[in-house]
Amino acid sequence: MHLTTTPAPPYYAVIFTSILSPQDAGYHEASDRMFELVATSPGFLGYDSVRDTDRIGITVAYFKDEASIATWRDQPEHVTTRHRGRTEWYEAFQVRVARVERAYGSPT
């Protein structure tokens, strides 16, 4: 396990929280594919992600700027997978976008 190392601020964080439905067939494979695909998206800096046993998940994806977030948002395979998430896999979800002004911590 590790925490993502990000550059000096400013940069952006997309915070995705969700409650996974019990009907999650195909979800884990799609999730793995999205993590694989976002890693190739221009301006993507990394992510931190957890899901607990109560099916609550939090993923924070870091991007260089808002244009990079828009590029990822509009990526065709991501658009399709997001739709499946909303209609098949999530009981509830929230997306929040924040500009990171300060960041500090200990080495991982």
C-alpha atoms as a PDB file:
ATOM      1  CA  MET A   1       0.000   0.000   0.000  1.00  0.00           C
ATOM      2  CA  HIS A   2       1.210   3.515  -0.733  1.00  0.00           C
ATOM      3  CA  LEU A   3       0.005   7.083  -0.914  1.00  0.00           C
ATOM      4  CA  THR A   4       0.310   9.020  -4.153  1.00  0.00           C
ATOM      5  CA  THR A   5       3.122  11.525  -4.400  1.00  0.00           C
ATOM      6  CA  THR A   6       1.922  14.734  -6.007  1.00  0.00           C
ATOM      7  CA  PRO A   7       3.811  17.787  -7.236  1.00  0.00           C
ATOM      8  CA  ALA A   8       3.828  21.109  -5.414  1.00  0.00           C
ATOM      9  CA  PRO A   9       0.392  22.772  -5.514  1.00  0.00           C
ATOM     10  CA  PRO A  10      -1.635  24.046  -7.094  1.00  0.00           C
ATOM     11  CA  TYR A  11      -3.265  21.054  -8.750  1.00  0.00           C
ATOM     12  CA  TYR A  12      -6.741  19.553  -8.660  1.00  0.00           C
ATOM     13  CA  ALA A  13      -8.390  16.682  -6.814  1.00  0.00           C
ATOM     14  CA  VAL A  14     -11.490  14.880  -8.062  1.00  0.00           C
ATOM     15  CA  ILE A  15     -13.092  13.204  -5.060  1.00  0.00           C
ATOM     16  CA  PHE A  16     -15.436  10.355  -5.930  1.00  0.00           C
ATOM     17  CA  THR A  17     -17.422   8.754  -3.105  1.00  0.00           C
ATOM     18  CA  SER A  18     -19.843   5.906  -3.647  1.00  0.00           C
ATOM     19  CA  ILE A  19     -21.934   3.163  -2.131  1.00  0.00           C
ATOM     20  CA  LEU A  20     -21.680   0.016  -4.213  1.00  0.00           C
ATOM     21  CA  SER A  21     -24.870  -1.884  -4.945  1.00  0.00           C
ATOM     22  CA  PRO A  22     -25.019  -5.611  -4.087  1.00  0.00           C
ATOM     23  CA  GLN A  23     -25.604  -6.164  -7.836  1.00  0.00           C
ATOM     24  CA  ASP A  24     -22.026  -5.410  -8.831  1.00  0.00           C
ATOM     25  CA  ALA A  25     -21.346  -7.968 -11.585  1.00  0.00           C
ATOM     26  CA  GLY A  26     -18.604  -6.595 -13.798  1.00  0.00           C
ATOM     27  CA  TYR A  27     -17.840  -3.660 -11.503  1.00  0.00           C
ATOM     28  CA  HIS A  28     -14.402  -4.748 -10.279  1.00  0.00           C
ATOM     29  CA  GLU A  29     -13.138  -5.482 -13.775  1.00  0.00           C
ATOM     30  CA  ALA A  30     -14.444  -2.133 -15.027  1.00  0.00           C
ATOM     31  CA  SER A  31     -12.893  -0.337 -12.059  1.00  0.00           C
ATOM     32  CA  ASP A  32      -9.522  -1.942 -12.724  1.00  0.00           C
ATOM     33  CA  ARG A  33      -9.789  -0.903 -16.370  1.00  0.00           C
ATOM     34  CA  MET A  34     -10.597   2.703 -15.432  1.00  0.00           C
ATOM     35  CA  PHE A  35      -7.535   2.909 -13.149  1.00  0.00           C
ATOM     36  CA  GLU A  36      -5.434   1.482 -15.984  1.00  0.00           C
ATOM     37  CA  LEU A  37      -6.915   3.909 -18.516  1.00  0.00           C
ATOM     38  CA  VAL A  38      -6.742   7.087 -16.393  1.00  0.00           C
ATOM     39  CA  ALA A  39      -3.034   6.458 -15.864  1.00  0.00           C
ATOM     40  CA  THR A  40      -2.568   7.258 -19.576  1.00  0.00           C
ATOM     41  CA  SER A  41      -4.707  10.414 -19.509  1.00  0.00           C
ATOM     42  CA  PRO A  42      -2.807  13.690 -20.083  1.00  0.00           C
ATOM     43  CA  GLY A  43      -2.366  15.674 -16.873  1.00  0.00           C
ATOM     44  CA  PHE A  44      -3.239  12.764 -14.555  1.00  0.00           C
ATOM     45  CA  LEU A  45      -0.980  12.811 -11.475  1.00  0.00           C
ATOM     46  CA  GLY A  46      -2.113   9.751  -9.497  1.00  0.00           C
ATOM     47  CA  TYR A  47      -4.831   8.560  -7.142  1.00  0.00           C
ATOM     48  CA  ASP A  48      -5.621   7.203  -3.690  1.00  0.00           C
ATOM     49  CA  SER A  49      -8.544   4.789  -3.339  1.00  0.00           C
ATOM     50  CA  VAL A  50     -10.223   2.650  -0.662  1.00  0.00           C
ATOM     51  CA  ARG A  51     -13.416   0.598  -0.390  1.00  0.00           C
ATOM     52  CA  ASP A  52     -14.579  -0.781   2.942  1.00  0.00           C
ATOM     53  CA  THR A  53     -16.568  -3.897   3.796  1.00  0.00           C
ATOM     54  CA  ASP A  54     -19.794  -1.864   3.937  1.00  0.00           C
ATOM     55  CA  ARG A  55     -19.360  -1.145   0.197  1.00  0.00           C
ATOM     56  CA  ILE A  56     -18.450   2.522   0.718  1.00  0.00           C
ATOM     57  CA  GLY A  57     -15.650   3.734  -1.543  1.00  0.00           C
ATOM     58  CA  ILE A  58     -13.560   6.872  -1.785  1.00  0.00           C
ATOM     59  CA  THR A  59     -11.238   7.635  -4.670  1.00  0.00           C
ATOM     60  CA  VAL A  60      -9.284  10.850  -4.935  1.00  0.00           C
ATOM     61  CA  ALA A  61      -7.752  11.367  -8.379  1.00  0.00           C
ATOM     62  CA  TYR A  62      -5.220  14.144  -8.856  1.00  0.00           C
ATOM     63  CA  PHE A  63      -4.921  16.180 -12.049  1.00  0.00           C
ATOM     64  CA  LYS A  64      -2.647  18.980 -13.234  1.00  0.00           C
ATOM     65  CA  ASP A  65      -5.510  21.314 -14.173  1.00  0.00           C
ATOM     66  CA  GLU A  66      -9.195  21.544 -15.040  1.00  0.00           C
ATOM     67  CA  ALA A  67      -8.512  20.865 -18.725  1.00  0.00           C
ATOM     68  CA  SER A  68      -6.972  17.517 -17.734  1.00  0.00           C
ATOM     69  CA  ILE A  69     -10.082  16.682 -15.704  1.00  0.00           C
ATOM     70  CA  ALA A  70     -12.291  17.514 -18.699  1.00  0.00           C
ATOM     71  CA  THR A  71     -10.178  15.319 -20.973  1.00  0.00           C
ATOM     72  CA  TRP A  72     -10.650  12.375 -18.595  1.00  0.00           C
ATOM     73  CA  ARG A  73     -14.354  13.131 -18.104  1.00  0.00           C
ATOM     74  CA  ASP A  74     -14.914  13.057 -21.868  1.00  0.00           C
ATOM     75  CA  GLN A  75     -12.809   9.970 -22.627  1.00  0.00           C
ATOM     76  CA  PRO A  76     -15.246   7.637 -24.493  1.00  0.00           C
ATOM     77  CA  GLU A  77     -14.630   4.431 -22.512  1.00  0.00           C
ATOM     78  CA  HIS A  78     -14.862   6.391 -19.264  1.00  0.00           C
ATOM     79  CA  VAL A  79     -18.182   7.933 -20.384  1.00  0.00           C
ATOM     80  CA  THR A  80     -19.612   4.448 -21.024  1.00  0.00           C
ATOM     81  CA  THR A  81     -18.342   3.062 -17.719  1.00  0.00           C
ATOM     82  CA  ARG A  82     -19.670   6.073 -15.784  1.00  0.00           C
ATOM     83  CA  HIS A  83     -23.108   5.439 -17.250  1.00  0.00           C
ATOM     84  CA  ARG A  84     -22.975   1.795 -16.134  1.00  0.00           C
ATOM     85  CA  GLY A  85     -21.933   2.918 -12.668  1.00  0.00           C
ATOM     86  CA  ARG A  86     -24.875   5.272 -12.383  1.00  0.00           C
ATOM     87  CA  THR A  87     -27.423   2.775 -13.720  1.00  0.00           C
ATOM     88  CA  GLU A  88     -26.080  -0.575 -12.477  1.00  0.00           C
ATOM     89  CA  TRP A  89     -23.424  -0.441  -9.777  1.00  0.00           C
ATOM     90  CA  TYR A  90     -23.948   2.467  -7.390  1.00  0.00           C
ATOM     91  CA  GLU A  91     -26.687   2.951  -4.838  1.00  0.00           C
ATOM     92  CA  ALA A  92     -25.388   6.494  -4.404  1.00  0.00           C
ATOM     93  CA  PHE A  93     -22.384   8.558  -5.452  1.00  0.00           C
ATOM     94  CA  GLN A  94     -20.940  12.068  -5.251  1.00  0.00           C
ATOM     95  CA  VAL A  95     -18.258  13.796  -7.308  1.00  0.00           C
ATOM     96  CA  ARG A  96     -16.449  16.810  -5.926  1.00  0.00           C
ATOM     97  CA  VAL A  97     -13.702  18.804  -7.622  1.00  0.00           C
ATOM     98  CA  ALA A  98     -11.285  20.861  -5.543  1.00  0.00           C
ATOM     99  CA  ARG A  99      -8.200  22.940  -6.193  1.00  0.00           C
ATOM    100  CA  VAL A 100      -5.370  21.884  -3.874  1.00  0.00           C
ATOM    101  CA  GLU A 101      -3.667  24.979  -2.482  1.00  0.00           C
ATOM    102  CA  ARG A 102      -1.496  23.309   0.186  1.00  0.00           C
ATOM    103  CA  ALA A 103      -0.216  19.786   0.651  1.00  0.00           C
ATOM    104  CA  TYR A 104       2.140  18.320   3.228  1.00  0.00           C
ATOM    105  CA  GLY A 105       2.838  15.024   4.965  1.00  0.00           C
ATOM    106  CA  SER A 106       5.464  12.421   5.669  1.00  0.00           C
ATOM    107  CA  PRO A 107       7.170  10.223   3.088  1.00  0.00           C
ATOM    108  CA  THR A 108       5.406   6.979   2.236  1.00  0.00           C
END
